[in-house]
Amino acid sequence: MSCGEPHETDCSEVLDHLYEFLDREMPDSDCTKFETHFEECSPCLEKYGLEQAVKKLVKRCCGHDDVPSDLRAKVMGRIEMIRAGEAVPDQDVSAAVQE
């Protein structure tokens, strides 16, 4: 997607990192670049608005589901193993919860 106009930040770069922008997982300087791009590029602004709306809808509809405590414990245990540099077993975490 592109409006066909030249921009300081290319449309493909903006769209490739759109979720990082939405989640504010990028440096402020990059956020500023993206905001400037959205002011100049209506197709990218439209895509941003659509993805933002979908994210809000998912949060509203699915944001209140509690994660089973045993699944959470198993996932956190694996994260700790990875952080500690230990070998992680090749077992599906969701299958382990169903046992």
N, C-alpha and C. Protein backbone atom coordinates (compact mmCIF):
# COMPACT_ATOMS: atom_id res chain seq x y z
N MET A 1 0.85 -1.17 0.00
CA MET A 1 0.00 0.00 0.00
C MET A 1 0.89 1.23 0.00
N SER A 2 0.52 2.17 -0.82
CA SER A 2 1.24 3.43 -0.87
C SER A 2 0.35 4.44 -1.56
N CYS A 3 0.51 5.68 -1.17
CA CYS A 3 -0.27 6.73 -1.81
C CYS A 3 0.41 7.20 -3.09
N GLY A 4 1.60 6.70 -3.35
CA GLY A 4 2.33 7.08 -4.54
C GLY A 4 3.14 8.35 -4.38
N GLU A 5 3.06 8.99 -3.25
CA GLU A 5 3.80 10.21 -2.99
C GLU A 5 5.08 9.87 -2.23
N PRO A 6 6.15 10.63 -2.48
CA PRO A 6 7.38 10.39 -1.71
C PRO A 6 7.23 10.91 -0.29
N HIS A 7 7.74 10.14 0.65
CA HIS A 7 7.71 10.51 2.07
C HIS A 7 9.09 10.31 2.66
N GLU A 8 9.37 11.01 3.73
CA GLU A 8 10.64 10.82 4.43
C GLU A 8 10.74 9.39 4.95
N THR A 9 9.63 8.87 5.46
CA THR A 9 9.56 7.49 5.93
C THR A 9 8.69 6.73 4.94
N ASP A 10 9.23 5.68 4.35
CA ASP A 10 8.53 4.92 3.32
C ASP A 10 7.31 4.20 3.89
N CYS A 11 6.26 4.11 3.09
CA CYS A 11 5.03 3.42 3.52
C CYS A 11 5.30 1.99 3.97
N SER A 12 6.17 1.29 3.25
CA SER A 12 6.44 -0.11 3.61
C SER A 12 7.06 -0.21 5.00
N GLU A 13 7.92 0.73 5.36
CA GLU A 13 8.52 0.73 6.70
C GLU A 13 7.45 0.96 7.77
N VAL A 14 6.56 1.90 7.49
CA VAL A 14 5.48 2.20 8.44
C VAL A 14 4.59 0.98 8.63
N LEU A 15 4.20 0.34 7.54
CA LEU A 15 3.30 -0.80 7.65
C LEU A 15 3.99 -2.02 8.25
N ASP A 16 5.28 -2.18 8.00
CA ASP A 16 6.02 -3.30 8.58
C ASP A 16 6.14 -3.19 10.10
N HIS A 17 6.09 -1.97 10.61
CA HIS A 17 6.27 -1.74 12.06
C HIS A 17 5.03 -1.14 12.71
N LEU A 18 3.89 -1.31 12.06
CA LEU A 18 2.65 -0.70 12.56
C LEU A 18 2.26 -1.19 13.94
N TYR A 19 2.42 -2.49 14.19
CA TYR A 19 2.02 -3.02 15.50
C TYR A 19 2.96 -2.54 16.60
N GLU A 20 4.22 -2.36 16.28
CA GLU A 20 5.14 -1.80 17.26
C GLU A 20 4.72 -0.37 17.62
N PHE A 21 4.27 0.37 16.61
CA PHE A 21 3.78 1.73 16.86
C PHE A 21 2.52 1.70 17.70
N LEU A 22 1.58 0.84 17.33
CA LEU A 22 0.33 0.73 18.08
C LEU A 22 0.56 0.37 19.54
N ASP A 23 1.53 -0.49 19.78
CA ASP A 23 1.82 -0.96 21.14
C ASP A 23 2.83 -0.08 21.85
N ARG A 24 3.27 0.97 21.20
CA ARG A 24 4.27 1.89 21.76
C ARG A 24 5.53 1.14 22.19
N GLU A 25 5.98 0.25 21.30
CA GLU A 25 7.17 -0.55 21.56
C GLU A 25 8.34 -0.08 20.72
N MET A 26 8.35 1.20 20.40
CA MET A 26 9.45 1.76 19.62
C MET A 26 9.89 3.07 20.24
N PRO A 27 11.10 3.51 19.94
CA PRO A 27 11.58 4.77 20.51
C PRO A 27 10.68 5.95 20.11
N ASP A 28 10.66 6.96 20.97
CA ASP A 28 9.83 8.15 20.71
C ASP A 28 10.16 8.79 19.37
N SER A 29 11.43 8.79 18.99
CA SER A 29 11.81 9.40 17.72
C SER A 29 11.15 8.68 16.54
N ASP A 30 11.05 7.35 16.62
CA ASP A 30 10.38 6.60 15.55
C ASP A 30 8.88 6.86 15.59
N CYS A 31 8.31 6.96 16.77
CA CYS A 31 6.88 7.28 16.88
C CYS A 31 6.58 8.62 16.22
N THR A 32 7.45 9.57 16.43
CA THR A 32 7.27 10.90 15.83
C THR A 32 7.33 10.80 14.30
N LYS A 33 8.27 9.99 13.78
CA LYS A 33 8.37 9.78 12.33
C LYS A 33 7.08 9.19 11.78
N PHE A 34 6.53 8.22 12.48
CA PHE A 34 5.31 7.58 12.03
C PHE A 34 4.14 8.54 12.08
N GLU A 35 4.03 9.31 13.14
CA GLU A 35 2.94 10.29 13.25
C GLU A 35 3.00 11.30 12.12
N THR A 36 4.20 11.73 11.78
CA THR A 36 4.37 12.66 10.65
C THR A 36 3.93 11.98 9.35
N HIS A 37 4.30 10.73 9.18
CA HIS A 37 3.90 9.99 7.99
C HIS A 37 2.38 9.89 7.88
N PHE A 38 1.72 9.60 9.00
CA PHE A 38 0.26 9.48 8.98
C PHE A 38 -0.41 10.80 8.60
N GLU A 39 0.20 11.92 8.98
CA GLU A 39 -0.35 13.23 8.61
C GLU A 39 -0.27 13.46 7.10
N GLU A 40 0.71 12.84 6.45
CA GLU A 40 0.94 13.04 5.02
C GLU A 40 0.30 11.97 4.14
N CYS A 41 0.02 10.80 4.70
CA CYS A 41 -0.36 9.64 3.88
C CYS A 41 -1.70 9.06 4.34
N SER A 42 -2.75 9.37 3.61
CA SER A 42 -4.08 8.90 4.02
C SER A 42 -4.26 7.38 3.94
N PRO A 43 -3.66 6.65 2.95
CA PRO A 43 -3.82 5.20 2.97
C PRO A 43 -3.20 4.56 4.23
N CYS A 44 -2.03 5.05 4.65
CA CYS A 44 -1.41 4.50 5.86
C CYS A 44 -2.20 4.91 7.10
N LEU A 45 -2.72 6.12 7.12
CA LEU A 45 -3.55 6.56 8.23
C LEU A 45 -4.80 5.70 8.34
N GLU A 46 -5.39 5.36 7.20
CA GLU A 46 -6.58 4.51 7.19
C GLU A 46 -6.26 3.12 7.73
N LYS A 47 -5.12 2.55 7.30
CA LYS A 47 -4.70 1.24 7.79
C LYS A 47 -4.43 1.29 9.30
N TYR A 48 -3.78 2.36 9.75
CA TYR A 48 -3.52 2.54 11.18
C TYR A 48 -4.84 2.58 11.95
N GLY A 49 -5.80 3.35 11.46
CA GLY A 49 -7.10 3.46 12.13
C GLY A 49 -7.83 2.13 12.20
N LEU A 50 -7.75 1.37 11.12
CA LEU A 50 -8.39 0.05 11.09
C LEU A 50 -7.75 -0.89 12.11
N GLU A 51 -6.42 -0.94 12.12
CA GLU A 51 -5.73 -1.83 13.06
C GLU A 51 -5.95 -1.40 14.51
N GLN A 52 -6.02 -0.10 14.74
CA GLN A 52 -6.28 0.42 16.08
C GLN A 52 -7.68 0.01 16.53
N ALA A 53 -8.65 0.09 15.63
CA ALA A 53 -10.03 -0.30 15.96
C ALA A 53 -10.12 -1.80 16.25
N VAL A 54 -9.43 -2.61 15.46
CA VAL A 54 -9.44 -4.06 15.70
C VAL A 54 -8.82 -4.38 17.05
N LYS A 55 -7.73 -3.71 17.35
CA LYS A 55 -7.05 -3.95 18.64
C LYS A 55 -7.98 -3.60 19.81
N LYS A 56 -8.69 -2.48 19.71
CA LYS A 56 -9.63 -2.08 20.76
C LYS A 56 -10.78 -3.08 20.89
N LEU A 57 -11.27 -3.56 19.76
CA LEU A 57 -12.36 -4.54 19.77
C LEU A 57 -11.92 -5.84 20.44
N VAL A 58 -10.75 -6.31 20.09
CA VAL A 58 -10.23 -7.55 20.69
C VAL A 58 -10.05 -7.36 22.19
N LYS A 59 -9.52 -6.22 22.59
CA LYS A 59 -9.33 -5.97 24.02
C LYS A 59 -10.67 -5.95 24.75
N ARG A 60 -11.66 -5.31 24.13
CA ARG A 60 -12.97 -5.21 24.78
C ARG A 60 -13.65 -6.58 24.87
N CYS A 61 -13.51 -7.38 23.82
CA CYS A 61 -14.21 -8.67 23.77
C CYS A 61 -13.45 -9.80 24.46
N CYS A 62 -12.14 -9.72 24.45
CA CYS A 62 -11.35 -10.85 24.94
C CYS A 62 -10.43 -10.48 26.09
N GLY A 63 -10.44 -9.25 26.51
CA GLY A 63 -9.48 -8.80 27.51
C GLY A 63 -9.77 -9.23 28.92
N HIS A 64 -10.89 -9.90 29.15
CA HIS A 64 -11.25 -10.24 30.52
C HIS A 64 -11.16 -11.73 30.81
N ASP A 65 -10.68 -12.50 29.84
CA ASP A 65 -10.55 -13.94 30.05
C ASP A 65 -9.35 -14.20 30.96
N ASP A 66 -9.58 -14.97 32.01
CA ASP A 66 -8.51 -15.32 32.92
C ASP A 66 -7.73 -16.50 32.36
N VAL A 67 -6.44 -16.43 32.48
CA VAL A 67 -5.57 -17.53 32.07
C VAL A 67 -5.54 -18.53 33.22
N PRO A 68 -5.74 -19.82 32.91
CA PRO A 68 -5.66 -20.82 33.98
C PRO A 68 -4.33 -20.72 34.70
N SER A 69 -4.37 -20.80 36.03
CA SER A 69 -3.15 -20.59 36.82
C SER A 69 -2.08 -21.63 36.51
N ASP A 70 -2.49 -22.88 36.21
CA ASP A 70 -1.48 -23.89 35.90
C ASP A 70 -0.79 -23.61 34.56
N LEU A 71 -1.53 -23.09 33.58
CA LEU A 71 -0.92 -22.72 32.30
C LEU A 71 0.04 -21.56 32.52
N ARG A 72 -0.40 -20.58 33.28
CA ARG A 72 0.47 -19.42 33.55
C ARG A 72 1.76 -19.87 34.23
N ALA A 73 1.65 -20.77 35.21
CA ALA A 73 2.83 -21.25 35.93
C ALA A 73 3.78 -21.99 34.99
N LYS A 74 3.24 -22.81 34.09
CA LYS A 74 4.08 -23.56 33.16
C LYS A 74 4.79 -22.62 32.18
N VAL A 75 4.06 -21.63 31.68
CA VAL A 75 4.67 -20.67 30.75
C VAL A 75 5.76 -19.86 31.46
N MET A 76 5.46 -19.39 32.65
CA MET A 76 6.46 -18.61 33.40
C MET A 76 7.68 -19.47 33.72
N GLY A 77 7.45 -20.75 34.01
CA GLY A 77 8.56 -21.67 34.28
C GLY A 77 9.46 -21.81 33.06
N ARG A 78 8.85 -21.90 31.88
CA ARG A 78 9.65 -22.00 30.65
C ARG A 78 10.43 -20.71 30.39
N ILE A 79 9.80 -19.59 30.64
CA ILE A 79 10.49 -18.31 30.45
C ILE A 79 11.70 -18.24 31.36
N GLU A 80 11.54 -18.65 32.60
CA GLU A 80 12.67 -18.64 33.54
C GLU A 80 13.77 -19.60 33.09
N MET A 81 13.39 -20.76 32.54
CA MET A 81 14.39 -21.71 32.04
C MET A 81 15.19 -21.10 30.89
N ILE A 82 14.48 -20.43 29.99
CA ILE A 82 15.14 -19.79 28.85
C ILE A 82 16.08 -18.69 29.33
N ARG A 83 15.60 -17.88 30.26
CA ARG A 83 16.44 -16.80 30.80
C ARG A 83 17.69 -17.34 31.48
N ALA A 84 17.55 -18.51 32.13
CA ALA A 84 18.69 -19.11 32.83
C ALA A 84 19.60 -19.89 31.89
N GLY A 85 19.21 -19.99 30.61
CA GLY A 85 20.03 -20.70 29.63
C GLY A 85 19.90 -22.20 29.70
N GLU A 86 18.86 -22.69 30.38
CA GLU A 86 18.65 -24.13 30.49
C GLU A 86 17.96 -24.66 29.24
N ALA A 87 18.10 -25.94 28.97
CA ALA A 87 17.42 -26.58 27.86
C ALA A 87 15.92 -26.66 28.17
N VAL A 88 15.12 -26.34 27.19
CA VAL A 88 13.67 -26.36 27.37
C VAL A 88 13.13 -27.60 26.67
N PRO A 89 12.33 -28.42 27.37
CA PRO A 89 11.77 -29.62 26.76
C PRO A 89 10.88 -29.27 25.57
N ASP A 90 10.83 -30.17 24.58
CA ASP A 90 10.00 -29.95 23.39
C ASP A 90 8.58 -30.44 23.63
N GLN A 91 7.95 -29.91 24.65
CA GLN A 91 6.57 -30.30 24.97
C GLN A 91 5.69 -29.09 24.79
N ASP A 92 4.54 -29.29 24.15
CA ASP A 92 3.58 -28.22 23.94
C ASP A 92 2.97 -27.84 25.29
N VAL A 93 3.11 -26.57 25.65
CA VAL A 93 2.62 -26.10 26.95
C VAL A 93 1.12 -26.30 27.06
N SER A 94 0.36 -26.02 26.02
CA SER A 94 -1.10 -26.16 26.09
C SER A 94 -1.49 -27.62 26.26
N ALA A 95 -0.73 -28.56 25.67
CA ALA A 95 -1.03 -29.99 25.83
C ALA A 95 -0.77 -30.41 27.26
N ALA A 96 0.25 -29.84 27.89
CA ALA A 96 0.57 -30.19 29.27
C ALA A 96 -0.53 -29.76 30.21
N VAL A 97 -1.24 -28.69 29.90
CA VAL A 97 -2.32 -28.20 30.75
C VAL A 97 -3.51 -29.13 30.68
N GLN A 98 -3.74 -29.73 29.51
CA GLN A 98 -4.90 -30.59 29.32
C GLN A 98 -4.74 -31.94 29.99
N GLU A 99 -3.53 -32.29 30.40
CA GLU A 99 -3.28 -33.60 31.04
C GLU A 99 -4.00 -33.74 32.34
